[in-house]
Amino acid sequence: MNLIEHLEKDHAELRALLDAAESVLGKPRGVGLDDRLSTDRKLLIEALKNFLIAFERHEEAESRVIERLLRLEKILSTRPLDASSKISAPLRESISEGHRSLKSITHLLGAIASSSDSDQIYPIRHVLSSLKDELSRHLDYEEQEIFPKLKDALSAATLDKMTRWAKNLRKSQRV
C-alpha cells in the first residue's frame, strides 16, 4: 500500500464513521424541532465521539505527511524549485482551508450533541448532514485533485518512504 492508498483508506474510514453516526439517528420522527431520537442517546454520543477522534487524528497526520512530503521532495528533486512550489503552495492552502471548515463544523456538532439534554435531534441531524456534505466535498477534492498531483510530483521512492513514515505516525497517535 502506497501513501496515497493509505490516505484513501483513512478517507474511507472517516466516511464510514460518519455514516455510522448518521445511522444511529434513525429515520426522522417528527418534523423540525419535533424530530426525536429513536435510539439510545449514548450510542449517538459514542458514534460522534468516534468520528471526531478519527477526524482529528486524520487531519493532524495528513497535514504532517503533506508538509514532510513537500519538504522532502524539494530536497530530493532535480527539478527547479519553482516547479514544486507551484504545487506546494496551492496544495497546502487548499487542504488547510478544507480542514478549517470541517473542524468548525465538527466542533459545532460536538457542542450541540454534548449540550443537548433532550431527545430532540433536529439540530444534530441538520449539522451532521452539513458535515457529511462538506466532508464528502473535501475528501472528493483531495482524491480527485490533490492526490493525482502528489503522484505526479513525487517519486515512487519518496511515496514508499512516506508510506512507512505515515504508518509509524499513525501508530504513535494511538498511544
Protein backbone atom coordinates (compact mmCIF):
# COMPACT_ATOMS: atom_id res chain seq x y z
CA MET A 1 0.00 0.00 0.00
CA ASN A 2 1.49 3.33 -1.01
CA LEU A 3 0.95 6.66 0.74
CA ILE A 4 -1.96 7.74 -1.46
CA GLU A 5 -3.76 4.43 -0.85
CA HIS A 6 -3.05 4.85 2.88
CA LEU A 7 -4.70 8.29 2.86
CA GLU A 8 -7.63 6.99 0.80
CA LYS A 9 -8.11 4.23 3.39
CA ASP A 10 -8.30 6.92 6.08
CA HIS A 11 -10.88 8.76 3.97
CA ALA A 12 -12.99 5.62 3.68
CA GLU A 13 -12.81 5.17 7.47
CA LEU A 14 -13.98 8.75 8.04
CA ARG A 15 -16.90 8.28 5.66
CA ALA A 16 -17.87 5.02 7.38
CA LEU A 17 -17.70 6.57 10.88
CA LEU A 18 -19.89 9.47 9.80
CA ASP A 19 -22.35 7.06 8.18
CA ALA A 20 -22.41 5.09 11.44
CA ALA A 21 -23.20 8.23 13.43
CA GLU A 22 -25.95 9.12 10.99
CA SER A 23 -27.44 5.63 11.15
CA VAL A 24 -27.73 5.90 14.95
CA LEU A 25 -30.12 8.81 14.44
CA GLY A 26 -32.55 6.58 12.58
CA LYS A 27 -35.31 7.96 10.41
CA PRO A 28 -36.74 11.35 11.42
CA ARG A 29 -39.57 11.06 13.93
CA GLY A 30 -41.46 14.29 13.57
CA VAL A 31 -40.70 17.47 11.67
CA GLY A 32 -38.18 20.14 12.61
CA LEU A 33 -37.83 20.51 16.36
CA ASP A 34 -40.39 17.73 16.84
CA ASP A 35 -37.83 15.26 15.43
CA ARG A 36 -36.93 12.83 18.19
CA LEU A 37 -34.12 10.37 18.70
CA SER A 38 -35.38 6.84 18.26
CA THR A 39 -32.40 5.12 19.86
CA ASP A 40 -30.16 5.35 22.89
CA ARG A 41 -28.60 8.81 23.18
CA LYS A 42 -25.37 7.28 24.48
CA LEU A 43 -24.94 5.43 21.17
CA LEU A 44 -25.20 8.71 19.30
CA ILE A 45 -22.66 10.47 21.52
CA GLU A 46 -20.29 7.48 21.20
CA ALA A 47 -20.63 7.40 17.38
CA LEU A 48 -19.98 11.14 17.14
CA LYS A 49 -17.03 10.87 19.51
CA ASN A 50 -15.52 8.07 17.39
CA PHE A 51 -15.81 10.21 14.27
CA LEU A 52 -14.40 13.33 15.93
CA ILE A 53 -11.38 11.43 17.29
CA ALA A 54 -10.69 9.82 13.90
CA PHE A 55 -11.10 13.15 12.11
CA GLU A 56 -8.70 14.96 14.45
CA ARG A 57 -6.16 12.16 14.08
CA HIS A 58 -6.50 12.14 10.29
CA GLU A 59 -6.29 15.90 9.98
CA GLU A 60 -3.11 16.08 12.04
CA ALA A 61 -1.49 13.14 10.26
CA GLU A 62 -2.44 14.34 6.78
CA SER A 63 -1.10 17.83 7.42
CA ARG A 64 2.17 16.46 8.79
CA VAL A 65 2.53 13.97 5.96
CA ILE A 66 1.95 16.57 3.26
CA GLU A 67 4.32 19.09 4.85
CA ARG A 68 7.01 16.42 5.14
CA LEU A 69 6.42 15.18 1.61
CA LEU A 70 6.77 18.61 0.13
CA ARG A 71 9.93 19.38 2.12
CA LEU A 72 11.44 16.01 1.24
CA GLU A 73 10.61 16.32 -2.44
CA LYS A 74 12.14 19.80 -2.62
CA ILE A 75 15.36 18.42 -1.12
CA LEU A 76 15.48 15.34 -3.35
CA SER A 77 14.10 16.87 -6.52
CA THR A 78 16.27 17.55 -9.52
CA ARG A 79 13.56 19.84 -10.86
CA PRO A 80 13.82 23.61 -10.38
CA LEU A 81 12.45 24.76 -7.03
CA ASP A 82 9.55 26.68 -8.55
CA ALA A 83 8.23 23.57 -10.28
CA SER A 84 7.41 22.04 -6.91
CA SER A 85 6.38 25.34 -5.31
CA LYS A 86 3.66 25.71 -7.95
CA ILE A 87 2.13 22.58 -6.47
CA SER A 88 3.03 23.01 -2.80
CA ALA A 89 1.55 26.46 -2.09
CA PRO A 90 -1.94 25.74 -3.51
CA LEU A 91 -1.87 22.24 -2.06
CA ARG A 92 -1.06 23.40 1.42
CA GLU A 93 -3.65 26.22 1.29
CA SER A 94 -6.49 24.10 -0.12
CA ILE A 95 -6.02 21.37 2.46
CA SER A 96 -5.72 23.90 5.30
CA GLU A 97 -8.89 25.69 4.21
CA GLY A 98 -10.83 22.45 3.98
CA HIS A 99 -9.63 21.32 7.38
CA ARG A 100 -10.57 24.66 8.98
CA SER A 101 -14.08 24.39 7.59
CA LEU A 102 -14.52 20.78 8.65
CA LYS A 103 -13.06 21.47 12.09
CA SER A 104 -15.56 24.28 12.65
CA ILE A 105 -18.46 22.01 11.78
CA THR A 106 -17.16 19.11 13.88
CA HIS A 107 -16.74 21.39 16.91
CA LEU A 108 -20.27 22.72 16.42
CA LEU A 109 -21.64 19.19 16.13
CA GLY A 110 -19.78 18.06 19.25
CA ALA A 111 -21.03 21.07 21.22
CA ILE A 112 -24.64 20.58 20.15
CA ALA A 113 -24.55 16.86 20.88
CA SER A 114 -22.97 17.23 24.31
CA SER A 115 -25.09 20.17 25.45
CA SER A 116 -28.46 18.87 24.31
CA ASP A 117 -30.36 17.43 27.27
CA SER A 118 -33.38 16.05 25.43
CA ASP A 119 -34.09 13.59 22.70
CA GLN A 120 -34.79 16.38 20.18
CA ILE A 121 -32.22 15.90 17.47
CA TYR A 122 -33.18 18.26 14.67
CA PRO A 123 -30.09 20.47 15.25
CA ILE A 124 -27.83 17.42 15.41
CA ARG A 125 -29.35 15.89 12.28
CA HIS A 126 -29.04 19.24 10.46
CA VAL A 127 -25.39 19.86 11.42
CA LEU A 128 -24.48 16.21 10.79
CA SER A 129 -25.96 16.44 7.29
CA SER A 130 -23.95 19.62 6.63
CA LEU A 131 -20.81 17.96 7.95
CA LYS A 132 -21.37 14.91 5.76
CA ASP A 133 -21.79 17.10 2.66
CA GLU A 134 -18.72 19.20 3.48
CA LEU A 135 -16.61 16.14 4.31
CA SER A 136 -17.63 14.47 1.07
CA ARG A 137 -16.70 17.56 -0.98
CA HIS A 138 -13.38 17.89 0.84
CA LEU A 139 -12.37 14.23 0.52
CA ASP A 140 -13.50 14.07 -3.11
CA TYR A 141 -11.42 17.17 -3.85
CA GLU A 142 -8.35 15.66 -2.25
CA GLU A 143 -8.82 12.34 -4.03
CA GLN A 144 -9.56 13.85 -7.45
CA GLU A 145 -7.32 16.93 -7.43
CA ILE A 146 -4.62 16.71 -4.78
CA PHE A 147 -3.67 13.04 -4.81
CA PRO A 148 -3.08 12.92 -8.60
CA LYS A 149 -0.83 16.00 -8.27
CA LEU A 150 1.11 14.29 -5.48
CA LYS A 151 1.51 11.18 -7.64
CA ASP A 152 2.85 13.32 -10.48
CA ALA A 153 5.09 15.49 -8.32
CA LEU A 154 6.59 12.84 -6.05
CA SER A 155 8.81 9.96 -6.97
CA ALA A 156 7.80 6.36 -6.24
CA ALA A 157 10.72 6.11 -3.79
CA THR A 158 9.50 9.19 -1.92
CA LEU A 159 5.94 7.85 -1.76
CA ASP A 160 7.20 4.50 -0.45
CA LYS A 161 9.37 6.19 2.17
CA MET A 162 6.49 8.37 3.26
CA THR A 163 4.14 5.38 3.49
CA ARG A 164 6.35 3.85 6.16
CA TRP A 165 6.64 7.20 7.94
CA ALA A 166 2.85 7.71 7.86
CA LYS A 167 2.19 4.25 9.28
CA ASN A 168 4.62 4.94 12.14
CA LEU A 169 2.99 8.32 12.73
CA ARG A 170 -0.43 6.66 12.94
CA LYS A 171 0.86 4.10 15.44
CA SER A 172 2.30 6.86 17.61
CA GLN A 173 -1.04 8.72 17.55
CA ARG A 174 -2.88 5.73 19.01
CA VAL A 175 -0.71 5.68 22.12
